[in-house]
Amino acid sequence: MLGIYNYTVILTYFGMLVSFTGLTFAIQGDLRTALTCLMISGVCDMFDGKIASTMERTAREKRFGIQIDSLSDLICFGVLPAVIVWRLSGGHTAAFYISGLYLLCTLIRLAWFNVDEEERQETSDGAREVYLGLPVTMSALFLPAVLGIGRALGLPLGKLAAGLLLLMGAAFLTPFRLKKPALLGKLGMLAAGSAGLIVVLAGVDP
């Protein structure tokens, strides 16, 4: 079979399948479950690199890992948030175009990251310490958290979510330096996103 098959890619594959499940729920209007799937995929992506680093991989296996991770991220943190926000807006035309623009920014960001990461690995054996621009994975934190805050404040969630997509899309392509979070930072972000999700699960209507 084509591909690389070892334990380093299992979490990536699982996260992608969870996001596909979330897409089916989002299309049907079950945004609570869709947002939960987004968060689960975010957790998978948060730790798949750590798992991959436990195995001594060949250059080809590393290149495959870069590609498969970004392809999965396009579904998990590009397509799924875009569909959630479009469905949350009730299918509004403006939200459709904003979601499409966000998805395009995600695609460009991930393609650039693949090129940059392969070049970095040619000259360095260590793990990445700094990102340029906002990682697309952050949508799994920001979308539930902002929707939770918006719901608590009684704000229009559809417009709020569409505005968030615009900001995140711009941040994906803006080359500011962002230090890669350590384990404690990842756990803090997970807690913040989970808190927002809990508020959202109390009642998001399409």
N, C-alpha and C. Protein backbone atom coordinates (compact mmCIF):
# COMPACT_ATOMS: atom_id res chain seq x y z
N MET A 1 0.84 -1.20 0.00
CA MET A 1 0.00 0.00 0.00
C MET A 1 0.87 1.25 0.00
N LEU A 2 0.43 2.28 -0.72
CA LEU A 2 1.17 3.53 -0.73
C LEU A 2 1.08 4.22 0.63
N GLY A 3 2.13 4.91 1.00
CA GLY A 3 2.11 5.66 2.26
C GLY A 3 3.11 5.12 3.25
N ILE A 4 3.17 5.77 4.40
CA ILE A 4 4.03 5.36 5.51
C ILE A 4 3.12 4.90 6.64
N TYR A 5 3.39 3.73 7.18
CA TYR A 5 2.51 3.17 8.20
C TYR A 5 3.30 2.85 9.46
N ASN A 6 3.17 3.70 10.46
CA ASN A 6 3.73 3.45 11.77
C ASN A 6 2.91 4.25 12.79
N TYR A 7 3.24 4.10 14.05
CA TYR A 7 2.41 4.71 15.09
C TYR A 7 2.47 6.23 15.09
N THR A 8 3.44 6.83 14.41
CA THR A 8 3.58 8.29 14.45
C THR A 8 2.47 9.01 13.68
N VAL A 9 1.76 8.32 12.81
CA VAL A 9 0.72 8.98 12.02
C VAL A 9 -0.69 8.64 12.50
N ILE A 10 -0.82 7.73 13.45
CA ILE A 10 -2.14 7.25 13.86
C ILE A 10 -2.98 8.39 14.42
N LEU A 11 -2.40 9.23 15.28
CA LEU A 11 -3.16 10.32 15.90
C LEU A 11 -3.60 11.34 14.85
N THR A 12 -2.75 11.58 13.85
CA THR A 12 -3.12 12.50 12.76
C THR A 12 -4.31 11.96 12.00
N TYR A 13 -4.27 10.67 11.68
CA TYR A 13 -5.38 10.06 10.94
C TYR A 13 -6.66 10.10 11.78
N PHE A 14 -6.53 9.82 13.06
CA PHE A 14 -7.72 9.82 13.92
C PHE A 14 -8.33 11.21 13.98
N GLY A 15 -7.48 12.25 14.13
CA GLY A 15 -7.98 13.61 14.19
C GLY A 15 -8.72 14.00 12.92
N MET A 16 -8.20 13.57 11.75
CA MET A 16 -8.87 13.88 10.49
C MET A 16 -10.23 13.22 10.41
N LEU A 17 -10.33 11.96 10.85
CA LEU A 17 -11.61 11.25 10.80
C LEU A 17 -12.61 11.86 11.77
N VAL A 18 -12.13 12.34 12.90
CA VAL A 18 -13.01 13.04 13.84
C VAL A 18 -13.56 14.31 13.20
N SER A 19 -12.71 15.04 12.49
CA SER A 19 -13.15 16.26 11.82
C SER A 19 -14.13 15.97 10.70
N PHE A 20 -13.91 14.88 9.97
CA PHE A 20 -14.88 14.50 8.94
C PHE A 20 -16.24 14.22 9.58
N THR A 21 -16.20 13.55 10.74
CA THR A 21 -17.44 13.31 11.47
C THR A 21 -18.08 14.64 11.87
N GLY A 22 -17.25 15.59 12.31
CA GLY A 22 -17.76 16.90 12.67
C GLY A 22 -18.39 17.61 11.49
N LEU A 23 -17.81 17.43 10.30
CA LEU A 23 -18.38 18.05 9.10
C LEU A 23 -19.78 17.53 8.81
N THR A 24 -19.98 16.24 8.97
CA THR A 24 -21.31 15.69 8.71
C THR A 24 -22.33 16.25 9.70
N PHE A 25 -21.91 16.44 10.96
CA PHE A 25 -22.82 17.02 11.95
C PHE A 25 -23.07 18.49 11.67
N ALA A 26 -22.03 19.22 11.25
CA ALA A 26 -22.19 20.65 10.95
C ALA A 26 -23.16 20.85 9.80
N ILE A 27 -23.04 20.05 8.76
CA ILE A 27 -23.94 20.17 7.60
C ILE A 27 -25.39 19.90 8.01
N GLN A 28 -25.57 18.98 8.95
CA GLN A 28 -26.90 18.66 9.43
C GLN A 28 -27.43 19.67 10.44
N GLY A 29 -26.59 20.60 10.86
CA GLY A 29 -27.02 21.64 11.80
C GLY A 29 -26.72 21.35 13.25
N ASP A 30 -26.04 20.22 13.55
CA ASP A 30 -25.68 19.90 14.93
C ASP A 30 -24.33 20.54 15.25
N LEU A 31 -24.35 21.83 15.58
CA LEU A 31 -23.10 22.56 15.77
C LEU A 31 -22.43 22.23 17.10
N ARG A 32 -23.19 21.78 18.06
CA ARG A 32 -22.58 21.38 19.33
C ARG A 32 -21.60 20.23 19.10
N THR A 33 -22.07 19.20 18.40
CA THR A 33 -21.20 18.05 18.14
C THR A 33 -20.06 18.44 17.22
N ALA A 34 -20.33 19.29 16.23
CA ALA A 34 -19.29 19.72 15.29
C ALA A 34 -18.17 20.45 16.02
N LEU A 35 -18.51 21.34 16.95
CA LEU A 35 -17.50 22.07 17.73
C LEU A 35 -16.72 21.13 18.65
N THR A 36 -17.41 20.13 19.18
CA THR A 36 -16.73 19.14 20.01
C THR A 36 -15.70 18.37 19.19
N CYS A 37 -16.08 18.00 17.97
CA CYS A 37 -15.15 17.31 17.07
C CYS A 37 -13.95 18.20 16.74
N LEU A 38 -14.20 19.49 16.56
CA LEU A 38 -13.11 20.43 16.28
C LEU A 38 -12.12 20.46 17.43
N MET A 39 -12.62 20.50 18.65
CA MET A 39 -11.75 20.51 19.82
C MET A 39 -10.96 19.21 19.94
N ILE A 40 -11.60 18.07 19.69
CA ILE A 40 -10.91 16.79 19.77
C ILE A 40 -9.79 16.72 18.73
N SER A 41 -10.07 17.21 17.53
CA SER A 41 -9.04 17.23 16.49
C SER A 41 -7.88 18.13 16.90
N GLY A 42 -8.19 19.24 17.58
CA GLY A 42 -7.15 20.13 18.07
C GLY A 42 -6.25 19.45 19.07
N VAL A 43 -6.84 18.66 19.96
CA VAL A 43 -6.05 17.92 20.94
C VAL A 43 -5.14 16.91 20.24
N CYS A 44 -5.69 16.21 19.24
CA CYS A 44 -4.88 15.25 18.48
C CYS A 44 -3.68 15.93 17.83
N ASP A 45 -3.93 17.08 17.22
CA ASP A 45 -2.85 17.80 16.54
C ASP A 45 -1.83 18.35 17.54
N MET A 46 -2.29 18.65 18.73
CA MET A 46 -1.42 19.22 19.75
C MET A 46 -0.32 18.24 20.16
N PHE A 47 -0.63 16.96 20.09
CA PHE A 47 0.30 15.97 20.61
C PHE A 47 0.85 15.01 19.55
N ASP A 48 0.40 15.12 18.29
CA ASP A 48 0.91 14.16 17.30
C ASP A 48 2.38 14.38 17.00
N GLY A 49 2.83 15.65 17.03
CA GLY A 49 4.26 15.91 16.81
C GLY A 49 5.12 15.33 17.92
N LYS A 50 4.61 15.41 19.15
CA LYS A 50 5.35 14.87 20.29
C LYS A 50 5.51 13.36 20.14
N ILE A 51 4.45 12.70 19.69
CA ILE A 51 4.50 11.26 19.49
C ILE A 51 5.49 10.92 18.37
N ALA A 52 5.45 11.71 17.30
CA ALA A 52 6.35 11.45 16.16
C ALA A 52 7.81 11.58 16.56
N SER A 53 8.09 12.47 17.51
CA SER A 53 9.48 12.70 17.91
C SER A 53 10.06 11.54 18.72
N THR A 54 9.21 10.60 19.15
CA THR A 54 9.69 9.47 19.93
C THR A 54 10.28 8.37 19.06
N MET A 55 10.14 8.51 17.73
CA MET A 55 10.62 7.48 16.81
C MET A 55 11.70 8.06 15.90
N GLU A 56 12.75 7.31 15.69
CA GLU A 56 13.80 7.70 14.75
C GLU A 56 13.29 7.43 13.34
N ARG A 57 13.03 8.50 12.58
CA ARG A 57 12.44 8.35 11.25
C ARG A 57 13.44 8.66 10.15
N THR A 58 13.21 8.03 8.99
CA THR A 58 14.03 8.33 7.82
C THR A 58 13.61 9.69 7.26
N ALA A 59 14.41 10.22 6.34
CA ALA A 59 14.08 11.50 5.71
C ALA A 59 12.75 11.42 4.98
N ARG A 60 12.49 10.30 4.32
CA ARG A 60 11.22 10.14 3.61
C ARG A 60 10.06 10.10 4.59
N GLU A 61 10.22 9.41 5.70
CA GLU A 61 9.15 9.34 6.70
C GLU A 61 8.86 10.72 7.28
N LYS A 62 9.91 11.53 7.48
CA LYS A 62 9.71 12.89 7.99
C LYS A 62 8.96 13.74 6.97
N ARG A 63 9.34 13.63 5.70
CA ARG A 63 8.66 14.41 4.66
C ARG A 63 7.20 13.99 4.54
N PHE A 64 6.95 12.70 4.63
CA PHE A 64 5.57 12.21 4.59
C PHE A 64 4.78 12.76 5.77
N GLY A 65 5.41 12.78 6.94
CA GLY A 65 4.74 13.29 8.13
C GLY A 65 4.36 14.75 7.99
N ILE A 66 5.24 15.55 7.39
CA ILE A 66 4.94 16.97 7.16
C ILE A 66 3.73 17.11 6.25
N GLN A 67 3.73 16.36 5.15
CA GLN A 67 2.64 16.48 4.18
C GLN A 67 1.31 15.98 4.75
N ILE A 68 1.34 14.84 5.41
CA ILE A 68 0.08 14.26 5.89
C ILE A 68 -0.50 15.10 7.02
N ASP A 69 0.37 15.71 7.82
CA ASP A 69 -0.12 16.56 8.91
C ASP A 69 -0.82 17.80 8.36
N SER A 70 -0.22 18.42 7.33
CA SER A 70 -0.83 19.63 6.77
C SER A 70 -2.10 19.32 5.99
N LEU A 71 -2.12 18.20 5.28
CA LEU A 71 -3.34 17.81 4.57
C LEU A 71 -4.48 17.56 5.55
N SER A 72 -4.14 16.92 6.66
CA SER A 72 -5.14 16.70 7.70
C SER A 72 -5.60 18.02 8.31
N ASP A 73 -4.64 18.93 8.54
CA ASP A 73 -4.98 20.23 9.12
C ASP A 73 -5.92 21.03 8.23
N LEU A 74 -5.77 20.89 6.92
CA LEU A 74 -6.66 21.61 6.01
C LEU A 74 -8.11 21.21 6.23
N ILE A 75 -8.33 19.93 6.48
CA ILE A 75 -9.70 19.44 6.74
C ILE A 75 -10.14 19.86 8.15
N CYS A 76 -9.26 19.60 9.12
CA CYS A 76 -9.63 19.80 10.53
C CYS A 76 -9.83 21.28 10.87
N PHE A 77 -8.88 22.13 10.45
CA PHE A 77 -8.87 23.51 10.91
C PHE A 77 -9.10 24.52 9.80
N GLY A 78 -9.39 24.00 8.60
CA GLY A 78 -9.78 24.84 7.48
C GLY A 78 -11.23 24.61 7.10
N VAL A 79 -11.50 23.43 6.60
CA VAL A 79 -12.84 23.12 6.10
C VAL A 79 -13.87 23.08 7.24
N LEU A 80 -13.54 22.39 8.33
CA LEU A 80 -14.52 22.25 9.42
C LEU A 80 -14.91 23.59 10.04
N PRO A 81 -13.98 24.46 10.45
CA PRO A 81 -14.41 25.77 10.98
C PRO A 81 -15.19 26.59 9.96
N ALA A 82 -14.80 26.52 8.68
CA ALA A 82 -15.50 27.28 7.65
C ALA A 82 -16.95 26.83 7.53
N VAL A 83 -17.19 25.53 7.54
CA VAL A 83 -18.55 25.01 7.43
C VAL A 83 -19.35 25.32 8.70
N ILE A 84 -18.71 25.21 9.86
CA ILE A 84 -19.41 25.52 11.12
C ILE A 84 -19.90 26.96 11.10
N VAL A 85 -19.03 27.89 10.71
CA VAL A 85 -19.40 29.31 10.72
C VAL A 85 -20.46 29.60 9.66
N TRP A 86 -20.31 29.02 8.49
CA TRP A 86 -21.33 29.21 7.45
C TRP A 86 -22.69 28.70 7.93
N ARG A 87 -22.69 27.53 8.57
CA ARG A 87 -23.96 26.95 9.06
C ARG A 87 -24.49 27.75 10.23
N LEU A 88 -23.61 28.26 11.07
CA LEU A 88 -24.02 29.06 12.22
C LEU A 88 -24.70 30.34 11.78
N SER A 89 -24.28 30.88 10.64
CA SER A 89 -24.87 32.12 10.12
C SER A 89 -26.20 31.89 9.44
N GLY A 90 -26.62 30.62 9.37
CA GLY A 90 -27.87 30.32 8.68
C GLY A 90 -27.71 30.29 7.17
N GLY A 91 -26.48 30.09 6.70
CA GLY A 91 -26.23 30.04 5.27
C GLY A 91 -26.18 31.42 4.62
N HIS A 92 -25.87 32.45 5.40
CA HIS A 92 -25.84 33.82 4.87
C HIS A 92 -24.76 33.95 3.80
N THR A 93 -25.06 34.73 2.76
CA THR A 93 -24.13 34.87 1.63
C THR A 93 -22.79 35.45 2.06
N ALA A 94 -22.80 36.48 2.91
CA ALA A 94 -21.55 37.09 3.37
C ALA A 94 -20.70 36.07 4.12
N ALA A 95 -21.33 35.27 4.96
CA ALA A 95 -20.61 34.24 5.72
C ALA A 95 -20.02 33.20 4.78
N PHE A 96 -20.71 32.92 3.68
CA PHE A 96 -20.20 31.97 2.69
C PHE A 96 -18.88 32.47 2.10
N TYR A 97 -18.84 33.73 1.71
CA TYR A 97 -17.62 34.28 1.12
C TYR A 97 -16.51 34.41 2.15
N ILE A 98 -16.87 34.80 3.37
CA ILE A 98 -15.86 34.90 4.42
C ILE A 98 -15.27 33.54 4.75
N SER A 99 -16.12 32.53 4.81
CA SER A 99 -15.65 31.17 5.08
C SER A 99 -14.73 30.68 3.96
N GLY A 100 -15.08 31.00 2.72
CA GLY A 100 -14.23 30.61 1.60
C GLY A 100 -12.89 31.31 1.63
N LEU A 101 -12.88 32.60 1.99
CA LEU A 101 -11.63 33.35 2.10
C LEU A 101 -10.76 32.78 3.21
N TYR A 102 -11.39 32.45 4.34
CA TYR A 102 -10.67 31.83 5.45
C TYR A 102 -10.03 30.52 5.01
N LEU A 103 -10.78 29.72 4.28
CA LEU A 103 -10.26 28.43 3.82
C LEU A 103 -9.07 28.63 2.88
N LEU A 104 -9.14 29.64 2.02
CA LEU A 104 -8.03 29.94 1.12
C LEU A 104 -6.79 30.34 1.92
N CYS A 105 -6.96 31.17 2.94
CA CYS A 105 -5.83 31.57 3.79
C CYS A 105 -5.21 30.35 4.48
N THR A 106 -6.07 29.43 4.91
CA THR A 106 -5.58 28.21 5.55
C THR A 106 -4.76 27.38 4.57
N LEU A 107 -5.25 27.25 3.35
CA LEU A 107 -4.55 26.49 2.33
C LEU A 107 -3.17 27.08 2.04
N ILE A 108 -3.12 28.41 1.86
CA ILE A 108 -1.85 29.08 1.58
C ILE A 108 -0.88 28.91 2.74
N ARG A 109 -1.39 29.11 3.95
CA ARG A 109 -0.56 28.99 5.14
C ARG A 109 0.07 27.60 5.24
N LEU A 110 -0.72 26.56 5.02
CA LEU A 110 -0.22 25.20 5.17
C LEU A 110 0.77 24.84 4.07
N ALA A 111 0.52 25.31 2.85
CA ALA A 111 1.47 25.05 1.76
C ALA A 111 2.81 25.72 2.05
N TRP A 112 2.74 26.97 2.54
CA TRP A 112 3.98 27.68 2.90
C TRP A 112 4.69 26.96 4.03
N PHE A 113 3.93 26.50 5.02
CA PHE A 113 4.54 25.83 6.17
C PHE A 113 5.28 24.57 5.71
N ASN A 114 4.70 23.80 4.79
CA ASN A 114 5.35 22.59 4.30
C ASN A 114 6.71 22.91 3.69
N VAL A 115 6.75 23.93 2.85
CA VAL A 115 8.01 24.32 2.21
C VAL A 115 9.02 24.76 3.27
N ASP A 116 8.58 25.61 4.18
CA ASP A 116 9.46 26.14 5.22
C ASP A 116 9.98 25.05 6.13
N GLU A 117 9.11 24.11 6.51
CA GLU A 117 9.50 23.05 7.43
C GLU A 117 10.49 22.09 6.79
N GLU A 118 10.30 21.76 5.51
CA GLU A 118 11.25 20.88 4.85
C GLU A 118 12.62 21.55 4.75
N GLU A 119 12.64 22.85 4.45
CA GLU A 119 13.91 23.57 4.38
C GLU A 119 14.57 23.64 5.76
N ARG A 120 13.75 23.83 6.80
CA ARG A 120 14.30 23.91 8.16
C ARG A 120 14.92 22.58 8.57
N GLN A 121 14.25 21.47 8.24
CA GLN A 121 14.74 20.16 8.64
C GLN A 121 16.01 19.76 7.89
N GLU A 122 16.26 20.39 6.75
CA GLU A 122 17.49 20.12 6.02
C GLU A 122 18.72 20.68 6.74
N THR A 123 18.50 21.67 7.58
CA THR A 123 19.62 22.33 8.26
C THR A 123 19.59 22.17 9.78
N SER A 124 18.52 21.58 10.30
CA SER A 124 18.39 21.46 11.75
C SER A 124 17.72 20.14 12.10
N ASP A 125 18.23 19.50 13.15
CA ASP A 125 17.65 18.23 13.62
C ASP A 125 16.68 18.44 14.77
N GLY A 126 16.67 19.61 15.35
CA GLY A 126 15.82 19.87 16.51
C GLY A 126 14.39 20.19 16.13
N ALA A 127 13.53 20.27 17.13
CA ALA A 127 12.13 20.60 16.91
C ALA A 127 11.98 22.10 16.66
N ARG A 128 10.94 22.47 15.97
CA ARG A 128 10.65 23.88 15.72
C ARG A 128 10.35 24.59 17.03
N GLU A 129 10.90 25.77 17.23
CA GLU A 129 10.69 26.54 18.45
C GLU A 129 9.85 27.79 18.22
N VAL A 130 9.80 28.28 16.99
CA VAL A 130 9.09 29.52 16.68
C VAL A 130 8.26 29.34 15.41
N TYR A 131 7.03 29.83 15.46
CA TYR A 131 6.18 29.88 14.27
C TYR A 131 6.21 31.29 13.69
N LEU A 132 6.06 31.38 12.38
CA LEU A 132 5.81 32.66 11.73
C LEU A 132 4.33 32.70 11.37
N GLY A 133 3.61 33.62 11.99
CA GLY A 133 2.17 33.67 11.79
C GLY A 133 1.45 32.74 12.75
N LEU A 134 0.13 32.86 12.77
CA LEU A 134 -0.69 32.06 13.68
C LEU A 134 -0.88 30.65 13.11
N PRO A 135 -0.57 29.61 13.87
CA PRO A 135 -0.82 28.24 13.40
C PRO A 135 -2.31 28.00 13.20
N VAL A 136 -2.67 27.25 12.17
CA VAL A 136 -4.09 27.03 11.87
C VAL A 136 -4.78 26.24 12.97
N THR A 137 -4.01 25.48 13.73
CA THR A 137 -4.58 24.69 14.83
C THR A 137 -5.30 25.56 15.85
N MET A 138 -4.92 26.83 15.94
CA MET A 138 -5.50 27.72 16.94
C MET A 138 -6.99 27.94 16.73
N SER A 139 -7.50 27.62 15.55
CA SER A 139 -8.95 27.75 15.34
C SER A 139 -9.72 26.82 16.27
N ALA A 140 -9.10 25.70 16.65
CA ALA A 140 -9.76 24.77 17.57
C ALA A 140 -9.86 25.34 18.97
N LEU A 141 -9.04 26.34 19.28
CA LEU A 141 -9.11 27.04 20.56
C LEU A 141 -9.99 28.27 20.46
N PHE A 142 -9.72 29.11 19.46
CA PHE A 142 -10.38 30.41 19.38
C PHE A 142 -11.87 30.32 19.07
N LEU A 143 -12.25 29.43 18.16
CA LEU A 143 -13.66 29.38 17.77
C LEU A 143 -14.57 28.99 18.93
N PRO A 144 -14.30 27.87 19.63
CA PRO A 144 -15.15 27.56 20.80
C PRO A 144 -15.07 28.62 21.89
N ALA A 145 -13.86 29.15 22.15
CA ALA A 145 -13.70 30.14 23.23
C ALA A 145 -14.47 31.42 22.92
N VAL A 146 -14.32 31.94 21.70
CA VAL A 146 -15.00 33.19 21.34
C VAL A 146 -16.50 33.00 21.28
N LEU A 147 -16.95 31.87 20.77
CA LEU A 147 -18.39 31.61 20.74
C LEU A 147 -18.95 31.47 22.17
N GLY A 148 -18.14 30.88 23.05
CA GLY A 148 -18.58 30.78 24.44
C GLY A 148 -18.72 32.15 25.09
N ILE A 149 -17.73 33.03 24.84
CA ILE A 149 -17.80 34.39 25.37
C ILE A 149 -18.97 35.14 24.76
N GLY A 150 -19.14 34.98 23.45
CA GLY A 150 -20.24 35.65 22.76
C GLY A 150 -21.59 35.22 23.28
N ARG A 151 -21.74 33.94 23.53
CA ARG A 151 -23.01 33.45 24.05
C ARG A 151 -23.27 33.99 25.46
N ALA A 152 -22.21 34.00 26.27
CA ALA A 152 -22.36 34.50 27.64
C ALA A 152 -22.75 35.98 27.65
N LEU A 153 -22.30 36.74 26.65
CA LEU A 153 -22.59 38.18 26.57
C LEU A 153 -23.82 38.49 25.73
N GLY A 154 -24.42 37.46 25.15
CA GLY A 154 -25.61 37.67 24.34
C GLY A 154 -25.33 38.30 22.99
N LEU A 155 -24.13 38.10 22.43
CA LEU A 155 -23.77 38.67 21.14
C LEU A 155 -24.26 37.79 19.99
N PRO A 156 -24.45 38.35 18.80
CA PRO A 156 -24.87 37.55 17.64
C PRO A 156 -23.75 36.61 17.21
N LEU A 157 -23.94 35.33 17.40
CA LEU A 157 -22.86 34.38 17.21
C LEU A 157 -22.42 34.25 15.75
N GLY A 158 -23.37 34.32 14.83
CA GLY A 158 -23.03 34.20 13.42
C GLY A 158 -22.08 35.30 12.97
N LYS A 159 -22.39 36.55 13.31
CA LYS A 159 -21.53 37.68 12.93
C LYS A 159 -20.20 37.62 13.67
N LEU A 160 -20.25 37.24 14.93
CA LEU A 160 -19.03 37.15 15.73
C LEU A 160 -18.08 36.10 15.15
N ALA A 161 -18.63 34.96 14.78
CA ALA A 161 -17.80 33.88 14.24
C ALA A 161 -17.22 34.26 12.89
N ALA A 162 -18.01 34.93 12.06
CA ALA A 162 -17.51 35.36 10.75
C ALA A 162 -16.37 36.36 10.90
N GLY A 163 -16.51 37.29 11.83
CA GLY A 163 -15.44 38.25 12.09
C GLY A 163 -14.18 37.56 12.59
N LEU A 164 -14.36 36.53 13.42
CA LEU A 164 -13.21 35.78 13.92
C LEU A 164 -12.47 35.09 12.79
N LEU A 165 -13.21 34.53 11.83
CA LEU A 165 -12.56 33.87 10.69
C LEU A 165 -11.70 34.85 9.91
N LEU A 166 -12.22 36.07 9.71
CA LEU A 166 -11.44 37.08 9.00
C LEU A 166 -10.13 37.40 9.73
N LEU A 167 -10.22 37.55 11.03
CA LEU A 167 -9.02 37.87 11.82
C LEU A 167 -8.02 36.72 11.81
N MET A 168 -8.52 35.49 11.96
CA MET A 168 -7.62 34.35 11.96
C MET A 168 -6.99 34.16 10.59
N GLY A 169 -7.78 34.32 9.53
CA GLY A 169 -7.22 34.18 8.19
C GLY A 169 -6.08 35.15 7.95
N ALA A 170 -6.26 36.40 8.38
CA ALA A 170 -5.20 37.40 8.24
C ALA A 170 -3.99 37.02 9.10
N ALA A 171 -4.24 36.50 10.30
CA ALA A 171 -3.13 36.13 11.20
C ALA A 171 -2.36 34.93 10.67
N PHE A 172 -3.03 34.04 9.92
CA PHE A 172 -2.34 32.89 9.34
C PHE A 172 -1.24 33.34 8.38
N LEU A 173 -1.48 34.46 7.68
CA LEU A 173 -0.57 34.88 6.62
C LEU A 173 0.35 36.04 7.04
N THR A 174 0.21 36.52 8.26
CA THR A 174 1.05 37.62 8.74
C THR A 174 2.29 37.05 9.42
N PRO A 175 3.49 37.41 8.94
CA PRO A 175 4.72 36.77 9.43
C PRO A 175 5.25 37.31 10.76
N PHE A 176 4.42 37.33 11.79
CA PHE A 176 4.94 37.68 13.12
C PHE A 176 5.47 36.42 13.79
N ARG A 177 6.40 36.59 14.70
CA ARG A 177 7.03 35.45 15.37
C ARG A 177 6.21 35.06 16.60
N LEU A 178 5.94 33.78 16.72
CA LEU A 178 5.16 33.25 17.83
C LEU A 178 5.87 32.03 18.39
N LYS A 179 6.27 32.12 19.65
CA LYS A 179 7.00 31.02 20.28
C LYS A 179 6.08 29.80 20.43
N LYS A 180 6.60 28.66 20.08
CA LYS A 180 5.84 27.42 20.21
C LYS A 180 5.61 27.13 21.69
N PRO A 181 4.35 26.89 22.10
CA PRO A 181 4.07 26.70 23.53
C PRO A 181 4.62 25.38 24.06
N ALA A 182 5.04 25.42 25.31
CA ALA A 182 5.46 24.20 25.99
C ALA A 182 4.22 23.44 26.46
N LEU A 183 4.44 22.32 27.14
CA LEU A 183 3.33 21.48 27.57
C LEU A 183 2.36 22.24 28.46
N LEU A 184 2.88 23.04 29.39
CA LEU A 184 2.02 23.79 30.30
C LEU A 184 1.15 24.78 29.52
N GLY A 185 1.74 25.43 28.53
CA GLY A 185 0.99 26.36 27.71
C GLY A 185 -0.09 25.65 26.91
N LYS A 186 0.21 24.47 26.40
CA LYS A 186 -0.78 23.69 25.65
C LYS A 186 -1.95 23.30 26.54
N LEU A 187 -1.64 22.91 27.77
CA LEU A 187 -2.71 22.53 28.70
C LEU A 187 -3.57 23.74 29.05
N GLY A 188 -2.94 24.91 29.18
CA GLY A 188 -3.70 26.13 29.45
C GLY A 188 -4.63 26.47 28.31
N MET A 189 -4.14 26.36 27.08
CA MET A 189 -4.99 26.64 25.92
C MET A 189 -6.13 25.63 25.83
N LEU A 190 -5.83 24.39 26.14
CA LEU A 190 -6.86 23.35 26.14
C LEU A 190 -7.95 23.66 27.16
N ALA A 191 -7.54 24.14 28.32
CA ALA A 191 -8.51 24.48 29.37
C ALA A 191 -9.39 25.65 28.93
N ALA A 192 -8.78 26.67 28.30
CA ALA A 192 -9.54 27.83 27.85
C ALA A 192 -10.53 27.45 26.77
N GLY A 193 -10.08 26.65 25.81
CA GLY A 193 -10.98 26.22 24.75
C GLY A 193 -12.11 25.35 25.28
N SER A 194 -11.78 24.49 26.25
CA SER A 194 -12.80 23.61 26.83
C SER A 194 -13.85 24.41 27.58
N ALA A 195 -13.41 25.45 28.30
CA ALA A 195 -14.35 26.30 29.02
C ALA A 195 -15.33 26.98 28.06
N GLY A 196 -14.80 27.49 26.95
CA GLY A 196 -15.66 28.11 25.95
C GLY A 196 -16.61 27.11 25.35
N LEU A 197 -16.11 25.89 25.08
CA LEU A 197 -16.95 24.86 24.49
C LEU A 197 -18.11 24.50 25.42
N ILE A 198 -17.83 24.42 26.71
CA ILE A 198 -18.89 24.08 27.68
C ILE A 198 -20.01 25.11 27.63
N VAL A 199 -19.64 26.38 27.54
CA VAL A 199 -20.65 27.43 27.45
C VAL A 199 -21.44 27.29 26.15
N VAL A 200 -20.71 27.02 25.06
CA VAL A 200 -21.38 26.88 23.76
C VAL A 200 -22.32 25.68 23.77
N LEU A 201 -21.91 24.59 24.38
CA LEU A 201 -22.74 23.39 24.38
C LEU A 201 -24.04 23.60 25.14
N ALA A 202 -24.07 24.64 25.95
CA ALA A 202 -25.31 24.93 26.68
C ALA A 202 -26.42 25.36 25.74
N GLY A 203 -26.06 25.73 24.53
CA GLY A 203 -27.12 26.05 23.59
C GLY A 203 -26.70 26.87 22.40
N VAL A 204 -26.18 26.22 21.37
CA VAL A 204 -25.91 26.89 20.10
C VAL A 204 -26.99 26.48 19.13
N ASP A 205 -27.65 27.46 18.58
CA ASP A 205 -28.69 27.17 17.60
C ASP A 205 -28.18 27.55 16.23
N PRO A 206 -28.48 26.73 15.19
CA PRO A 206 -28.03 27.06 13.85
C PRO A 206 -28.76 28.29 13.32
